[in-house]
Amino acid sequence: MKVMIDLSVVPIGVGVSVSAYVAACERVLQEAGVSHTLHAFGTDIEGEWDDVFAAVKRCHEVVHQMGAPRVHSSLRVGTRTDKAQSLDDKVRSVEEKLRRC
C-alpha cells in the first residue's frame, strides 16, 4: 500500500541544535530510496508502507546511535485507495485552484 507521511523527529537530551540529527535522518531516507522533501518543521515522505515505516524505524535507531537517550516523533499518515496520488499532486491541486481565484 502506498503511504504519505509528514515526519518530525525530535531527539531529546542532546541540547538545543538538532540539525545534525535531522541531516542523519535525511541520509537514512536517501539510502532507503523513498521519495522525501525536507521542510522547516519536518519531512514529507511517500512510498510503500513497509519501506516508509522501516525508514522511520531506522531514523530512530540512527538518532539513538548518535547519543540521543530519547527520541520523540510526530507523524501524520495518509493513504488512499481510490486513485494514485503523490505529494506533488496534492500541492499542484491546491495551486491550480489558487490560480483560478
N, C-alpha and C. Protein backbone atom coordinates (compact mmCIF):
# COMPACT_ATOMS: atom_id res chain seq x y z
N MET A 1 0.84 -1.17 0.00
CA MET A 1 0.00 0.00 0.00
C MET A 1 0.89 1.24 0.00
N LYS A 2 0.56 2.20 -0.82
CA LYS A 2 1.27 3.48 -0.84
C LYS A 2 0.85 4.31 0.37
N VAL A 3 1.79 5.08 0.90
CA VAL A 3 1.52 5.92 2.05
C VAL A 3 2.27 7.24 1.89
N MET A 4 1.69 8.29 2.44
CA MET A 4 2.34 9.60 2.53
C MET A 4 2.37 9.95 4.01
N ILE A 5 3.52 10.40 4.49
CA ILE A 5 3.60 10.82 5.89
C ILE A 5 4.32 12.15 6.00
N ASP A 6 4.02 12.84 7.06
CA ASP A 6 4.76 14.02 7.46
C ASP A 6 5.43 13.62 8.77
N LEU A 7 6.75 13.59 8.78
CA LEU A 7 7.53 13.10 9.92
C LEU A 7 8.33 14.23 10.54
N SER A 8 8.26 14.31 11.85
CA SER A 8 9.11 15.21 12.61
C SER A 8 9.78 14.39 13.70
N VAL A 9 11.10 14.28 13.64
CA VAL A 9 11.88 13.52 14.62
C VAL A 9 12.59 14.52 15.54
N VAL A 10 12.39 14.35 16.84
CA VAL A 10 12.97 15.26 17.81
C VAL A 10 13.80 14.48 18.82
N PRO A 11 15.13 14.61 18.74
CA PRO A 11 15.97 13.97 19.76
C PRO A 11 15.86 14.76 21.06
N ILE A 12 15.79 14.05 22.16
CA ILE A 12 15.65 14.70 23.47
C ILE A 12 16.90 14.40 24.29
N GLY A 13 17.41 15.45 24.94
CA GLY A 13 18.58 15.28 25.79
C GLY A 13 19.89 15.51 25.07
N VAL A 14 19.84 16.26 23.95
CA VAL A 14 21.06 16.47 23.15
C VAL A 14 21.42 17.95 23.00
N GLY A 15 20.72 18.83 23.68
CA GLY A 15 20.99 20.25 23.55
C GLY A 15 19.97 20.92 22.64
N VAL A 16 20.28 22.15 22.28
CA VAL A 16 19.32 22.97 21.55
C VAL A 16 19.31 22.70 20.05
N SER A 17 20.46 22.60 19.42
CA SER A 17 20.53 22.39 17.98
C SER A 17 20.34 20.91 17.65
N VAL A 18 19.45 20.65 16.69
CA VAL A 18 19.19 19.25 16.30
C VAL A 18 19.46 19.02 14.81
N SER A 19 20.07 19.98 14.13
CA SER A 19 20.26 19.87 12.68
C SER A 19 21.12 18.67 12.28
N ALA A 20 22.09 18.29 13.09
CA ALA A 20 22.92 17.12 12.76
C ALA A 20 22.07 15.84 12.77
N TYR A 21 21.12 15.79 13.67
CA TYR A 21 20.23 14.62 13.75
C TYR A 21 19.25 14.60 12.58
N VAL A 22 18.76 15.76 12.21
CA VAL A 22 17.88 15.87 11.04
C VAL A 22 18.64 15.44 9.79
N ALA A 23 19.87 15.90 9.66
CA ALA A 23 20.68 15.52 8.49
C ALA A 23 20.91 14.01 8.47
N ALA A 24 21.11 13.41 9.62
CA ALA A 24 21.30 11.96 9.68
C ALA A 24 20.04 11.23 9.22
N CYS A 25 18.89 11.72 9.62
CA CYS A 25 17.62 11.12 9.17
C CYS A 25 17.43 11.32 7.67
N GLU A 26 17.81 12.46 7.16
CA GLU A 26 17.71 12.69 5.71
C GLU A 26 18.58 11.69 4.96
N ARG A 27 19.76 11.39 5.48
CA ARG A 27 20.62 10.38 4.86
C ARG A 27 19.95 9.00 4.88
N VAL A 28 19.30 8.68 5.98
CA VAL A 28 18.57 7.41 6.08
C VAL A 28 17.51 7.33 4.99
N LEU A 29 16.78 8.40 4.80
CA LEU A 29 15.71 8.42 3.79
C LEU A 29 16.29 8.29 2.38
N GLN A 30 17.42 8.94 2.13
CA GLN A 30 18.08 8.80 0.84
C GLN A 30 18.49 7.35 0.60
N GLU A 31 19.09 6.74 1.61
CA GLU A 31 19.53 5.35 1.48
C GLU A 31 18.35 4.40 1.31
N ALA A 32 17.21 4.73 1.92
CA ALA A 32 16.02 3.88 1.83
C ALA A 32 15.36 3.97 0.45
N GLY A 33 15.69 5.03 -0.29
CA GLY A 33 15.13 5.19 -1.62
C GLY A 33 13.69 5.65 -1.66
N VAL A 34 13.21 6.20 -0.54
CA VAL A 34 11.84 6.72 -0.52
C VAL A 34 11.86 8.19 -0.95
N SER A 35 10.80 8.60 -1.60
CA SER A 35 10.68 9.99 -2.02
C SER A 35 10.44 10.85 -0.78
N HIS A 36 11.19 11.93 -0.65
CA HIS A 36 11.04 12.78 0.54
C HIS A 36 11.40 14.22 0.24
N THR A 37 10.78 15.12 1.00
CA THR A 37 11.04 16.54 0.87
C THR A 37 11.16 17.15 2.26
N LEU A 38 12.33 17.69 2.55
CA LEU A 38 12.56 18.35 3.83
C LEU A 38 11.84 19.69 3.84
N HIS A 39 11.22 20.02 4.97
CA HIS A 39 10.67 21.36 5.16
C HIS A 39 11.06 21.84 6.55
N ALA A 40 10.68 23.03 6.90
CA ALA A 40 11.19 23.67 8.11
C ALA A 40 10.85 22.93 9.40
N PHE A 41 9.76 22.19 9.42
CA PHE A 41 9.34 21.53 10.65
C PHE A 41 9.26 20.02 10.53
N GLY A 42 9.88 19.45 9.50
CA GLY A 42 9.86 18.01 9.33
C GLY A 42 10.17 17.61 7.91
N THR A 43 9.69 16.42 7.54
CA THR A 43 9.95 15.88 6.21
C THR A 43 8.70 15.16 5.71
N ASP A 44 8.30 15.47 4.48
CA ASP A 44 7.23 14.72 3.82
C ASP A 44 7.87 13.52 3.15
N ILE A 45 7.26 12.35 3.32
CA ILE A 45 7.80 11.11 2.77
C ILE A 45 6.67 10.35 2.09
N GLU A 46 6.98 9.74 0.93
CA GLU A 46 5.98 8.90 0.29
C GLU A 46 6.66 7.65 -0.26
N GLY A 47 5.89 6.57 -0.29
CA GLY A 47 6.40 5.31 -0.80
C GLY A 47 5.53 4.16 -0.33
N GLU A 48 6.06 2.97 -0.47
CA GLU A 48 5.35 1.79 0.02
C GLU A 48 5.38 1.77 1.55
N TRP A 49 4.27 1.37 2.14
CA TRP A 49 4.11 1.38 3.60
C TRP A 49 5.32 0.79 4.32
N ASP A 50 5.69 -0.42 3.98
CA ASP A 50 6.78 -1.10 4.70
C ASP A 50 8.11 -0.37 4.53
N ASP A 51 8.37 0.17 3.36
CA ASP A 51 9.62 0.90 3.12
C ASP A 51 9.66 2.19 3.93
N VAL A 52 8.55 2.92 3.95
CA VAL A 52 8.50 4.20 4.67
C VAL A 52 8.66 3.97 6.17
N PHE A 53 7.92 3.01 6.71
CA PHE A 53 7.99 2.81 8.16
C PHE A 53 9.29 2.13 8.59
N ALA A 54 9.91 1.36 7.71
CA ALA A 54 11.25 0.84 8.00
C ALA A 54 12.24 2.00 8.09
N ALA A 55 12.08 3.00 7.23
CA ALA A 55 12.96 4.17 7.26
C ALA A 55 12.74 4.98 8.53
N VAL A 56 11.49 5.12 8.97
CA VAL A 56 11.21 5.82 10.22
C VAL A 56 11.89 5.10 11.38
N LYS A 57 11.77 3.79 11.41
CA LYS A 57 12.43 3.00 12.45
C LYS A 57 13.95 3.22 12.41
N ARG A 58 14.50 3.20 11.20
CA ARG A 58 15.95 3.40 11.04
C ARG A 58 16.36 4.79 11.52
N CYS A 59 15.54 5.81 11.26
CA CYS A 59 15.85 7.16 11.77
C CYS A 59 15.98 7.13 13.29
N HIS A 60 15.06 6.47 13.96
CA HIS A 60 15.15 6.37 15.43
C HIS A 60 16.43 5.66 15.84
N GLU A 61 16.74 4.57 15.18
CA GLU A 61 17.95 3.82 15.52
C GLU A 61 19.19 4.69 15.37
N VAL A 62 19.29 5.41 14.26
CA VAL A 62 20.47 6.25 13.98
C VAL A 62 20.58 7.38 15.00
N VAL A 63 19.46 8.03 15.31
CA VAL A 63 19.49 9.14 16.26
C VAL A 63 19.91 8.64 17.65
N HIS A 64 19.43 7.46 18.04
CA HIS A 64 19.88 6.88 19.32
C HIS A 64 21.38 6.56 19.27
N GLN A 65 21.85 6.01 18.14
CA GLN A 65 23.27 5.70 17.99
C GLN A 65 24.14 6.96 18.08
N MET A 66 23.56 8.10 17.71
CA MET A 66 24.30 9.37 17.78
C MET A 66 24.35 9.92 19.21
N GLY A 67 23.66 9.27 20.14
CA GLY A 67 23.75 9.68 21.53
C GLY A 67 22.48 10.23 22.14
N ALA A 68 21.40 10.31 21.40
CA ALA A 68 20.15 10.80 21.97
C ALA A 68 19.53 9.71 22.84
N PRO A 69 19.34 10.00 24.13
CA PRO A 69 18.76 8.99 25.00
C PRO A 69 17.27 8.77 24.75
N ARG A 70 16.62 9.80 24.21
CA ARG A 70 15.18 9.70 23.90
C ARG A 70 14.94 10.32 22.52
N VAL A 71 13.97 9.77 21.81
CA VAL A 71 13.56 10.31 20.51
C VAL A 71 12.04 10.34 20.47
N HIS A 72 11.52 11.49 20.14
CA HIS A 72 10.07 11.66 20.01
C HIS A 72 9.78 12.00 18.56
N SER A 73 8.87 11.27 17.95
CA SER A 73 8.47 11.56 16.57
C SER A 73 6.99 11.84 16.50
N SER A 74 6.65 12.81 15.67
CA SER A 74 5.25 13.09 15.34
C SER A 74 5.04 12.68 13.90
N LEU A 75 3.94 11.98 13.66
CA LEU A 75 3.63 11.51 12.31
C LEU A 75 2.20 11.90 11.94
N ARG A 76 2.05 12.33 10.72
CA ARG A 76 0.72 12.42 10.11
C ARG A 76 0.77 11.47 8.93
N VAL A 77 -0.18 10.57 8.85
CA VAL A 77 -0.15 9.49 7.88
C VAL A 77 -1.40 9.54 7.02
N GLY A 78 -1.20 9.39 5.72
CA GLY A 78 -2.34 9.35 4.81
C GLY A 78 -2.20 8.25 3.77
N THR A 79 -3.31 7.56 3.52
CA THR A 79 -3.36 6.57 2.45
C THR A 79 -4.65 6.79 1.69
N ARG A 80 -4.67 6.33 0.46
CA ARG A 80 -5.92 6.35 -0.30
C ARG A 80 -5.89 5.21 -1.30
N THR A 81 -7.07 4.69 -1.58
CA THR A 81 -7.17 3.55 -2.49
C THR A 81 -7.96 3.87 -3.75
N ASP A 82 -8.57 5.07 -3.80
CA ASP A 82 -9.42 5.40 -4.95
C ASP A 82 -8.62 5.84 -6.17
N LYS A 83 -7.40 6.35 -5.95
CA LYS A 83 -6.55 6.74 -7.07
C LYS A 83 -5.12 6.89 -6.59
N ALA A 84 -4.20 6.85 -7.53
CA ALA A 84 -2.80 7.09 -7.22
C ALA A 84 -2.58 8.59 -7.10
N GLN A 85 -1.90 9.01 -6.05
CA GLN A 85 -1.65 10.43 -5.83
C GLN A 85 -0.31 10.60 -5.13
N SER A 86 0.46 11.57 -5.58
CA SER A 86 1.74 11.87 -4.94
C SER A 86 1.61 13.14 -4.12
N LEU A 87 2.63 13.42 -3.34
CA LEU A 87 2.66 14.67 -2.59
C LEU A 87 2.63 15.86 -3.54
N ASP A 88 3.37 15.76 -4.65
CA ASP A 88 3.36 16.83 -5.66
C ASP A 88 1.97 17.04 -6.23
N ASP A 89 1.23 15.94 -6.46
CA ASP A 89 -0.14 16.06 -6.97
C ASP A 89 -1.01 16.85 -6.01
N LYS A 90 -0.86 16.59 -4.72
CA LYS A 90 -1.67 17.29 -3.72
C LYS A 90 -1.39 18.79 -3.73
N VAL A 91 -0.13 19.15 -3.81
CA VAL A 91 0.24 20.57 -3.84
C VAL A 91 -0.23 21.21 -5.15
N ARG A 92 -0.02 20.53 -6.25
CA ARG A 92 -0.43 21.05 -7.56
C ARG A 92 -1.94 21.31 -7.61
N SER A 93 -2.73 20.45 -7.00
CA SER A 93 -4.18 20.61 -6.99
C SER A 93 -4.58 21.91 -6.30
N VAL A 94 -3.97 22.22 -5.18
CA VAL A 94 -4.27 23.46 -4.47
C VAL A 94 -3.78 24.67 -5.27
N GLU A 95 -2.58 24.57 -5.86
CA GLU A 95 -2.04 25.68 -6.64
C GLU A 95 -2.93 25.99 -7.83
N GLU A 96 -3.47 24.96 -8.48
CA GLU A 96 -4.38 25.19 -9.61
C GLU A 96 -5.64 25.94 -9.16
N LYS A 97 -6.16 25.58 -8.02
CA LYS A 97 -7.35 26.26 -7.51
C LYS A 97 -7.04 27.71 -7.15
N LEU A 98 -5.85 27.97 -6.64
CA LEU A 98 -5.45 29.34 -6.31
C LEU A 98 -5.36 30.20 -7.58
N ARG A 99 -4.86 29.62 -8.66
CA ARG A 99 -4.75 30.37 -9.92
C ARG A 99 -6.12 30.74 -10.49
N ARG A 100 -7.13 29.94 -10.20
CA ARG A 100 -8.48 30.20 -10.71
C ARG A 100 -9.20 31.29 -9.96
N CYS A 101 -8.74 31.60 -8.76
CA CYS A 101 -9.43 32.61 -7.93
C CYS A 101 -9.12 34.01 -8.36
